[in-house]
Protein backbone atom coordinates (compact mmCIF):
# COMPACT_ATOMS: atom_id res chain seq x y z
CA UNK A 1 16.89 -51.06 29.88
CA UNK A 2 16.19 -47.53 28.69
CA UNK A 3 18.13 -44.72 30.32
CA UNK A 4 15.56 -42.51 32.12
CA UNK A 5 17.92 -39.52 32.07
CA UNK A 6 18.27 -39.66 28.28
CA UNK A 7 14.51 -40.04 27.89
CA UNK A 8 13.93 -37.00 30.10
CA UNK A 9 16.47 -34.94 28.14
CA UNK A 10 14.88 -35.96 24.85
CA UNK A 11 11.39 -34.96 26.03
CA UNK A 12 12.70 -31.64 27.35
CA UNK A 13 14.41 -30.91 24.01
CA UNK A 14 11.23 -31.64 22.09
CA UNK A 15 9.25 -29.37 24.41
CA UNK A 16 11.69 -26.52 23.82
CA UNK A 17 11.46 -26.97 20.04
CA UNK A 18 7.67 -26.92 20.22
CA UNK A 19 7.74 -23.78 22.34
CA UNK A 20 9.92 -22.00 19.77
CA UNK A 21 7.73 -23.04 16.83
CA UNK A 22 4.20 -23.20 18.23
CA UNK A 23 1.56 -24.89 16.14
CA UNK A 24 -1.42 -22.53 16.17
CA UNK A 25 -4.87 -23.84 16.95
CA UNK A 26 -7.37 -23.90 14.12
CA UNK A 27 -8.02 -20.16 13.50
CA UNK A 28 -11.46 -18.58 13.72
CA UNK A 29 -12.19 -17.06 10.30
CA UNK A 30 -14.76 -14.74 8.75
CA UNK A 31 -14.50 -13.97 5.03
CA UNK A 32 -15.70 -10.64 3.60
CA UNK A 33 -15.84 -11.03 -0.19
CA UNK A 34 -17.08 -9.20 -3.29
CA UNK A 35 -17.61 -12.54 -5.10
CA UNK A 36 -19.89 -12.30 -8.11
CA UNK A 37 -18.70 -8.80 -8.96
CA UNK A 38 -16.35 -7.57 -11.65
CA UNK A 39 -13.34 -9.73 -10.78
CA UNK A 40 -13.91 -13.51 -10.78
CA UNK A 41 -10.77 -14.33 -8.83
CA UNK A 42 -12.97 -14.49 -5.70
CA UNK A 43 -14.65 -17.58 -7.17
CA UNK A 44 -11.25 -19.25 -7.50
CA UNK A 45 -10.41 -18.33 -3.91
CA UNK A 46 -13.79 -19.57 -2.68
CA UNK A 47 -13.17 -22.95 -4.32
CA UNK A 48 -9.81 -23.09 -2.52
CA UNK A 49 -11.41 -22.15 0.82
CA UNK A 50 -14.11 -24.81 0.55
CA UNK A 51 -11.59 -27.52 -0.34
CA UNK A 52 -9.49 -26.56 2.71
CA UNK A 53 -12.38 -25.86 5.08
CA UNK A 54 -11.08 -28.46 7.54
CA UNK A 55 -8.21 -26.12 8.45
CA UNK A 56 -10.38 -23.26 9.71
CA UNK A 57 -13.15 -22.55 12.20
CA UNK A 58 -15.33 -20.78 9.66
CA UNK A 59 -17.73 -18.32 11.28
CA UNK A 60 -18.91 -16.07 8.48
CA UNK A 61 -19.12 -15.73 4.69
CA UNK A 62 -20.18 -12.13 4.09
CA UNK A 63 -20.91 -10.58 0.71
CA UNK A 64 -19.34 -7.08 0.77
CA UNK A 65 -19.23 -5.64 -2.75
CA UNK A 66 -18.12 -2.00 -2.58
CA UNK A 67 -18.23 -2.07 -6.38
CA UNK A 68 -19.97 -4.28 -8.90
CA UNK A 69 -22.80 -6.78 -8.55
CA UNK A 70 -21.43 -9.18 -5.93
CA UNK A 71 -24.01 -10.98 -3.81
CA UNK A 72 -24.61 -13.68 -1.23
CA UNK A 73 -26.30 -15.89 -3.83
CA UNK A 74 -22.96 -16.41 -5.56
CA UNK A 75 -21.46 -17.75 -2.33
CA UNK A 76 -24.42 -20.12 -2.03
CA UNK A 77 -23.93 -21.28 -5.62
CA UNK A 78 -20.32 -22.17 -4.87
CA UNK A 79 -21.45 -24.12 -1.79
CA UNK A 80 -23.89 -26.05 -4.00
CA UNK A 81 -21.00 -27.13 -6.24
CA UNK A 82 -18.94 -28.08 -3.22
CA UNK A 83 -21.82 -30.17 -1.85
CA UNK A 84 -21.94 -32.19 -5.07
CA UNK A 85 -18.22 -32.94 -4.78
CA UNK A 86 -18.22 -33.54 -1.04
CA UNK A 87 -18.77 -37.34 -1.12
CA UNK A 88 -15.49 -37.77 -3.03
CA UNK A 89 -13.63 -35.23 -0.89
CA UNK A 90 -14.82 -36.83 2.34
CA UNK A 91 -13.35 -40.18 1.35
CA UNK A 92 -9.99 -38.50 1.99
CA UNK A 93 -10.91 -35.95 4.66
CA UNK A 94 -13.93 -36.30 6.91
CA UNK A 95 -13.34 -32.96 8.66
CA UNK A 96 -14.42 -30.76 5.76
CA UNK A 97 -17.21 -28.30 6.57
CA UNK A 98 -20.84 -29.34 6.16
CA UNK A 99 -22.77 -27.46 3.44
CA UNK A 100 -25.76 -26.81 5.72
CA UNK A 101 -23.51 -25.08 8.23
CA UNK A 102 -21.78 -23.05 5.51
CA UNK A 103 -25.12 -21.80 4.23
CA UNK A 104 -26.12 -20.77 7.75
CA UNK A 105 -23.15 -18.38 8.02
CA UNK A 106 -23.69 -16.67 4.62
CA UNK A 107 -24.77 -13.05 5.10
CA UNK A 108 -25.45 -10.11 2.79
CA UNK A 109 -23.45 -6.98 3.48
CA UNK A 110 -23.51 -3.53 1.95
CA UNK A 111 -23.79 -3.24 -1.82
CA UNK A 112 -21.84 -0.20 -2.99
CA UNK A 113 -19.27 2.03 -1.37
CA UNK A 114 -19.82 4.20 1.68
CA UNK A 115 -20.15 8.01 1.55
CA UNK A 116 -17.43 10.39 2.68
CA UNK A 117 -17.84 9.61 6.40
CA UNK A 118 -16.95 5.93 5.70
CA UNK A 119 -20.10 4.24 7.03
CA UNK A 120 -23.83 4.63 6.56
CA UNK A 121 -26.13 1.97 8.10
CA UNK A 122 -25.92 -1.52 9.61
CA UNK A 123 -26.29 -4.53 7.32
CA UNK A 124 -26.85 -8.21 7.92
CA UNK A 125 -23.15 -8.62 7.19
CA UNK A 126 -21.88 -5.93 9.58
CA UNK A 127 -24.12 -7.20 12.36
CA UNK A 128 -22.83 -10.74 11.82
CA UNK A 129 -19.23 -9.49 12.11
CA UNK A 130 -20.13 -7.96 15.48
CA UNK A 131 -21.89 -11.12 16.66
CA UNK A 132 -18.95 -13.34 15.72
CA UNK A 133 -16.38 -10.94 17.22
CA UNK A 134 -18.24 -10.89 20.55
CA UNK A 135 -18.30 -14.68 20.96
CA UNK A 136 -16.49 -15.86 24.06
CA UNK A 137 -13.24 -17.36 22.85
CA UNK A 138 -9.58 -17.49 23.76
CA UNK A 139 -8.83 -16.76 20.10
CA UNK A 140 -9.29 -13.61 18.03
CA UNK A 141 -11.59 -13.59 15.03
CA UNK A 142 -9.57 -13.36 11.82
CA UNK A 143 -11.45 -11.20 9.31
CA UNK A 144 -10.10 -11.87 5.83
CA UNK A 145 -11.02 -9.04 3.47
CA UNK A 146 -11.38 -10.01 -0.19
CA UNK A 147 -13.39 -6.93 -1.15
CA UNK A 148 -14.40 -3.59 0.31
CA UNK A 149 -14.15 -2.51 3.94
CA UNK A 150 -17.67 -1.11 4.22
CA UNK A 151 -19.09 -3.84 6.45
CA UNK A 152 -15.95 -3.97 8.60
CA UNK A 153 -16.02 -0.18 9.03
CA UNK A 154 -19.73 -0.29 9.85
CA UNK A 155 -19.18 -3.02 12.44
CA UNK A 156 -16.39 -1.03 14.09
CA UNK A 157 -18.53 2.12 14.09
CA UNK A 158 -21.49 0.34 15.67
CA UNK A 159 -19.45 -1.71 18.16
CA UNK A 160 -16.00 -0.12 18.61
CA UNK A 161 -15.25 -2.52 21.46
CA UNK A 162 -14.68 -5.35 18.95
CA UNK A 163 -11.42 -3.77 17.76
CA UNK A 164 -9.55 -5.77 20.41
CA UNK A 165 -11.25 -9.01 19.39
CA UNK A 166 -10.50 -9.08 15.66
CA UNK A 167 -7.43 -9.31 13.46
CA UNK A 168 -7.64 -8.29 9.84
CA UNK A 169 -5.76 -9.49 6.75
CA UNK A 170 -7.01 -7.32 3.90
CA UNK A 171 -6.27 -7.55 0.19
CA UNK A 172 -6.10 -3.82 -0.57
CA UNK A 173 -4.83 -2.55 -3.92
CA UNK A 174 -7.89 -2.21 -6.19
CA UNK A 175 -10.22 -2.91 -3.25
CA UNK A 176 -8.67 0.04 -1.45
CA UNK A 177 -9.39 2.25 -4.45
CA UNK A 178 -13.08 1.35 -4.35
CA UNK A 179 -13.29 1.51 -0.58
CA UNK A 180 -11.40 4.75 0.07
CA UNK A 181 -13.88 6.31 2.50
CA UNK A 182 -14.26 3.24 4.71
CA UNK A 183 -10.50 2.72 4.75
CA UNK A 184 -9.94 6.33 5.81
CA UNK A 185 -12.53 5.98 8.58
CA UNK A 186 -10.80 2.88 9.98
CA UNK A 187 -7.28 4.32 9.74
CA UNK A 188 -8.32 7.55 11.44
CA UNK A 189 -10.46 6.07 14.21
CA UNK A 190 -8.97 2.62 14.84
CA UNK A 191 -5.19 3.00 14.38
CA UNK A 192 -4.48 0.34 17.01
CA UNK A 193 -6.22 -2.46 15.14
CA UNK A 194 -4.19 -5.56 14.29
CA UNK A 195 -4.29 -4.92 10.55
CA UNK A 196 -2.28 -6.52 7.75
CA UNK A 197 -2.79 -4.25 4.74
CA UNK A 198 -1.65 -6.08 1.61
CA UNK A 199 -1.59 -3.65 -1.29
CA UNK A 200 0.81 -5.39 -3.65
CA UNK A 201 2.48 -8.56 -2.31
CA UNK A 202 -0.50 -10.71 -3.28
CA UNK A 203 0.22 -10.05 -6.98
CA UNK A 204 3.30 -12.20 -6.51
CA UNK A 205 1.16 -15.31 -6.40
CA UNK A 206 0.02 -14.97 -10.01
CA UNK A 207 2.80 -12.90 -11.58
CA UNK A 208 5.17 -14.45 -14.08
CA UNK A 209 8.10 -12.19 -13.29
CA UNK A 210 10.18 -14.48 -11.12
CA UNK A 211 12.28 -17.00 -13.01
CA UNK A 212 12.37 -19.86 -10.51
CA UNK A 213 11.39 -23.51 -10.63
CA UNK A 214 7.67 -23.36 -9.96
CA UNK A 215 4.36 -24.62 -11.21
CA UNK A 216 3.19 -22.58 -14.18
CA UNK A 217 -0.09 -20.83 -13.40
CA UNK A 218 -1.09 -20.95 -17.06
CA UNK A 219 -1.01 -24.73 -17.42
CA UNK A 220 -2.20 -25.64 -13.93
CA UNK A 221 -5.80 -26.10 -15.04
CA UNK A 222 -4.96 -28.55 -17.82
CA UNK A 223 -2.45 -30.53 -15.78
CA UNK A 224 -4.20 -30.54 -12.40
CA UNK A 225 -7.79 -29.25 -12.30
CA UNK A 226 -9.32 -30.50 -15.55
CA UNK A 227 -11.69 -33.38 -14.90
CA UNK A 228 -11.81 -32.77 -11.14
CA UNK A 229 -15.48 -32.75 -10.21
CA UNK A 230 -18.02 -29.92 -10.30
CA UNK A 231 -15.66 -27.39 -8.73
CA UNK A 232 -13.07 -28.21 -11.39
CA UNK A 233 -15.59 -27.80 -14.21
CA UNK A 234 -16.72 -24.46 -12.77
CA UNK A 235 -13.13 -23.24 -12.36
CA UNK A 236 -12.72 -23.05 -16.14
CA UNK A 237 -15.19 -20.11 -16.21
CA UNK A 238 -12.74 -17.79 -14.48
CA UNK A 239 -9.87 -16.47 -16.62
CA UNK A 240 -10.30 -19.60 -18.76
CA UNK A 241 -8.92 -21.63 -15.86
CA UNK A 242 -5.70 -19.64 -15.44
CA UNK A 243 -4.77 -19.23 -11.79
CA UNK A 244 -5.21 -15.77 -10.34
CA UNK A 245 -6.69 -16.16 -6.86
CA UNK A 246 -5.58 -12.73 -5.66
CA UNK A 247 -7.44 -13.14 -2.37
CA UNK A 248 -6.09 -16.58 -1.47
CA UNK A 249 -2.87 -15.29 0.14
CA UNK A 250 -5.07 -14.43 3.14
CA UNK A 251 -5.82 -18.16 3.46
CA UNK A 252 -2.22 -19.19 2.78
CA UNK A 253 -1.15 -16.90 5.61
CA UNK A 254 -3.31 -18.74 8.15
CA UNK A 255 -2.31 -22.16 6.81
CA UNK A 256 1.40 -21.71 7.36
CA UNK A 257 2.86 -20.98 10.79
CA UNK A 258 1.98 -18.59 13.59
CA UNK A 259 -0.33 -15.85 12.21
CA UNK A 260 0.35 -13.56 15.18
CA UNK A 261 3.76 -12.74 13.68
CA UNK A 262 3.31 -10.98 10.29
CA UNK A 263 7.07 -10.41 9.96
CA UNK A 264 7.78 -14.14 9.60
CA UNK A 265 8.12 -15.93 6.27
CA UNK A 266 4.84 -17.55 5.28
CA UNK A 267 2.93 -18.76 2.25
CA UNK A 268 0.77 -15.64 2.58
CA UNK A 269 3.67 -13.20 2.59
CA UNK A 270 5.99 -11.47 5.01
CA UNK A 271 5.21 -7.94 6.18
CA UNK A 272 6.71 -4.99 8.03
CA UNK A 273 5.23 -2.50 10.45
CA UNK A 274 4.15 0.88 9.12
CA UNK A 275 3.48 3.81 11.44
CA UNK A 276 1.51 6.04 9.08
CA UNK A 277 -1.05 5.77 6.34
CA UNK A 278 -0.24 8.43 3.72
CA UNK A 279 -2.91 11.04 3.15
CA UNK A 280 -2.46 14.20 1.13
CA UNK A 281 -5.00 17.00 1.23
CA UNK A 282 -5.29 19.48 -1.64
CA UNK A 283 -7.49 22.56 -1.67
CA UNK A 284 -7.47 22.70 -5.45
CA UNK A 285 -6.89 20.37 -8.37
CA UNK A 286 -3.42 18.84 -8.67
CA UNK A 287 -0.79 18.96 -11.42
CA UNK A 288 2.17 16.87 -12.61
CA UNK A 289 4.24 18.74 -10.02
CA UNK A 290 2.34 16.80 -7.35
CA UNK A 291 3.24 13.20 -6.53
CA UNK A 292 1.99 10.53 -4.15
CA UNK A 293 2.86 6.91 -3.34
CA UNK A 294 0.51 4.33 -4.80
CA UNK A 295 -2.33 3.36 -2.44
CA UNK A 296 -2.11 6.76 -0.70
CA UNK A 297 -5.26 8.71 0.11
CA UNK A 298 -5.66 11.74 -2.14
CA UNK A 299 -8.23 14.07 -0.63
CA UNK A 300 -9.33 17.09 -2.65
CA UNK A 301 -11.45 19.90 -1.19
CA UNK A 302 -13.18 22.29 -3.57
CA UNK A 303 -15.19 25.47 -3.07
CA UNK A 304 -18.71 25.91 -4.40
CA UNK A 305 -22.08 27.33 -3.46
CA UNK A 306 -23.76 26.58 -0.15
CA UNK A 307 -26.25 23.82 -0.69
CA UNK A 308 -28.94 21.60 0.83
CA UNK A 309 -27.13 18.42 -0.19
CA UNK A 310 -26.90 15.82 2.59
CA UNK A 311 -23.62 14.18 3.50
CA UNK A 312 -24.72 11.02 1.63
CA UNK A 313 -25.54 12.75 -1.67
CA UNK A 314 -23.13 12.33 -4.58
CA UNK A 315 -22.98 15.84 -6.05
CA UNK A 316 -19.95 15.61 -8.33
CA UNK A 317 -17.70 12.98 -9.87
CA UNK A 318 -14.06 12.48 -10.75
CA UNK A 319 -13.77 10.80 -14.15
CA UNK A 320 -10.59 8.89 -15.00
CA UNK A 321 -9.89 7.15 -18.33
CA UNK A 322 -9.22 3.46 -17.73
CA UNK A 323 -8.49 1.43 -20.84
CA UNK A 324 -11.48 1.69 -23.13
CA UNK A 325 -13.76 2.86 -20.33
CA UNK A 326 -14.06 5.76 -17.92
CA UNK A 327 -14.19 5.14 -14.18
CA UNK A 328 -16.25 7.53 -12.08
CA UNK A 329 -15.62 8.32 -8.42
CA UNK A 330 -18.14 10.05 -6.13
CA UNK A 331 -17.65 13.41 -4.44
CA UNK A 332 -19.68 14.79 -1.54
CA UNK A 333 -20.81 18.01 0.08
CA UNK A 334 -19.33 18.59 3.53
CA UNK A 335 -20.88 21.92 4.59
CA UNK A 336 -20.61 25.68 4.22
CA UNK A 337 -19.79 25.57 0.49
CA UNK A 338 -17.07 22.90 0.84
CA UNK A 339 -17.03 19.81 -1.37
CA UNK A 340 -14.63 16.86 -1.06
CA UNK A 341 -13.59 13.62 -2.68
CA UNK A 342 -11.18 10.82 -1.81
CA UNK A 343 -9.29 8.79 -4.38
CA UNK A 344 -6.68 6.07 -3.86
CA UNK A 345 -4.55 5.08 -6.89
CA UNK A 346 -3.71 1.37 -6.98
CA UNK A 347 -0.48 1.55 -9.03
CA UNK A 348 2.32 3.80 -10.24
CA UNK A 349 1.13 5.94 -13.14
CA UNK A 350 0.62 9.46 -14.45
CA UNK A 351 -3.02 10.09 -13.63
CA UNK A 352 -5.30 12.51 -15.49
CA UNK A 353 -8.84 13.34 -14.37
CA UNK A 354 -11.77 15.70 -14.88
CA UNK A 355 -14.59 16.69 -12.53
CA UNK A 356 -18.16 16.61 -13.78
CA UNK A 357 -21.09 18.12 -11.93
CA UNK A 358 -24.20 20.26 -12.24
CA UNK A 359 -22.35 22.73 -10.01
CA UNK A 360 -20.74 25.25 -12.41
CA UNK A 361 -17.83 26.05 -10.07
CA UNK A 362 -16.75 22.38 -10.15
CA UNK A 363 -17.84 21.10 -13.56
CA UNK A 364 -14.97 20.81 -16.04
CA UNK A 365 -12.10 21.22 -13.58
CA UNK A 366 -9.12 19.12 -14.71
CA UNK A 367 -5.98 17.88 -13.06
CA UNK A 368 -3.08 15.43 -13.07
CA UNK A 369 -0.89 13.74 -10.50
CA UNK A 370 2.20 11.48 -10.55
CA UNK A 371 1.91 8.20 -8.63
CA UNK A 372 5.16 6.60 -7.47
CA UNK A 373 5.96 2.93 -6.80
CA UNK A 374 7.05 2.79 -3.14
CA UNK A 375 4.46 2.45 -0.38
CA UNK A 376 3.93 4.13 2.08
CA UNK A 377 6.50 6.66 0.89
CA UNK A 378 7.32 10.06 2.35
CA UNK A 379 5.62 11.24 5.53
CA UNK A 380 3.27 14.22 5.51
CA UNK A 381 1.69 16.25 8.29
CA UNK A 382 -1.77 15.13 7.12
CA UNK A 383 -1.04 11.38 7.25
CA UNK A 384 -3.03 9.13 9.55
CA UNK A 385 -0.72 7.97 12.37
CA UNK A 386 -0.95 4.22 13.01
CA UNK A 387 -0.35 2.13 16.11
CA UNK A 388 2.04 -0.73 16.74
CA UNK A 389 0.05 -3.50 15.02
CA UNK A 390 -0.41 -2.23 11.48
CA UNK A 391 1.62 -4.11 8.85
CA UNK A 392 2.02 -3.87 5.11
CA UNK A 393 4.12 -4.95 2.12
CA UNK A 394 7.88 -5.09 2.69
CA UNK A 395 9.71 -2.21 1.04
CA UNK A 396 13.10 -3.90 0.50
CA UNK A 397 13.95 -3.46 -3.23
CA UNK A 398 15.32 -7.02 -3.31
CA UNK A 399 11.81 -8.33 -2.54
CA UNK A 400 10.15 -6.61 -5.49
CA UNK A 401 8.79 -9.09 -8.04
CA UNK A 402 9.29 -6.93 -11.11
CA UNK A 403 7.32 -3.80 -10.17
CA UNK A 404 5.42 -5.57 -7.38
CA UNK A 405 6.49 -4.37 -3.92
CA UNK A 406 6.94 -7.36 -1.62
CA UNK A 407 5.91 -9.75 -4.38
CA UNK A 408 8.76 -12.22 -3.82
CA UNK A 409 7.60 -12.86 -0.25
CA UNK A 410 4.72 -14.81 -1.83
CA UNK A 411 5.90 -15.80 -5.31
CA UNK A 412 8.66 -18.00 -3.87
CA UNK A 413 6.02 -20.24 -2.26
CA UNK A 414 3.84 -20.67 -5.35
CA UNK A 415 5.19 -24.12 -6.22
CA UNK A 416 4.61 -25.44 -2.70
CA UNK A 417 1.10 -23.98 -2.52
CA UNK A 418 -0.08 -25.30 -5.88
CA UNK A 419 1.46 -28.72 -5.37
CA UNK A 420 -0.32 -29.00 -2.03
CA UNK A 421 -3.62 -28.02 -3.65
CA UNK A 422 -3.05 -30.52 -6.47
CA UNK A 423 -3.33 -33.34 -3.93
CA UNK A 424 -6.85 -32.23 -3.07
CA UNK A 425 -7.88 -31.79 -6.72
CA UNK A 426 -6.79 -35.37 -7.28
CA UNK A 427 -9.33 -36.49 -4.67
CA UNK A 428 -12.02 -35.44 -7.16
CA UNK A 429 -10.67 -37.50 -10.05
């Protein structure tokens, strides 16, 4: 006969273990992506999302290209490929999302970055974010940012009450550079958002700096993906099949443990609280004597003639050599002869720039600035103060993956992540 006391003690022990390590319910998720733009890693991440769609309550797939030619049609094209592969996938998992439903939640957001104020006009995408955030639910809406923040900033501007209903995991870095004005608007006006700002850790997923036993990103296509359905055939188009997937850590984060605790270890990284977003204001061009942390807001204010420019008009540009090309960043007229521009450098470097404009007082001005490799760096009086729920890449030097701050918090999980995905690719063979 079983001992009822022992059975009771066993059940109580199991309950305590479960309470300490709660299994989260399937998270509500909206993706904001610049897929179809200049960086095809979003296509790789979209393939991953579709193949793991059973793990999420997907509520939105929003095209938000702050730069480049991203569009909703590219999301729909990926869904078409997924639909062709679905019969094979469903033999192993019948809970994968239905293509018709996925198409119904695809929305077009803003194309191009916002002006200096950080927002401009509602879009189908920003309005969908608001609609999803306002749904009655015991869960928050997780907004995973794979591109610019324009639609998220617009949604917050138009319906500020949703700030308590959403949680954001944003892949910053280059996206932050393109989306400087919308980022500044959010940091200044919504400092109490639950916001995980990932400026560098995500690089750890596809870096080759860490010498540990892990699946090699370079041969993963040939050993795992090749011959795996329509999604597998399409995957070869992006970086010749080499794994990048810089946006996928946002998915890994929700797949592994309690997402309400960003300081925990997880497939999608481990993060620390930051209480300020660095912002430096200069009333003239800078020189090599000036330095900022990477991903800091550099705001330059210049004097010129009074003008009839509107706040949305680009009236000068900052030109920065980038490889064999020149990147151009827009500057705006504020009022009363004052012009301003925001720029956010994505990495440590010595930066040189020149201003071009039809305004003689601005045209031809040159400058330089030194960008350092520790975010968020030194505090300044002009920083944006942040609340108690803003997290970013861990600054511990031991967690750097080469030059990548916080990179080891993700790179150490690469083998587990790719081996798990390999099981699903095999369903298509």
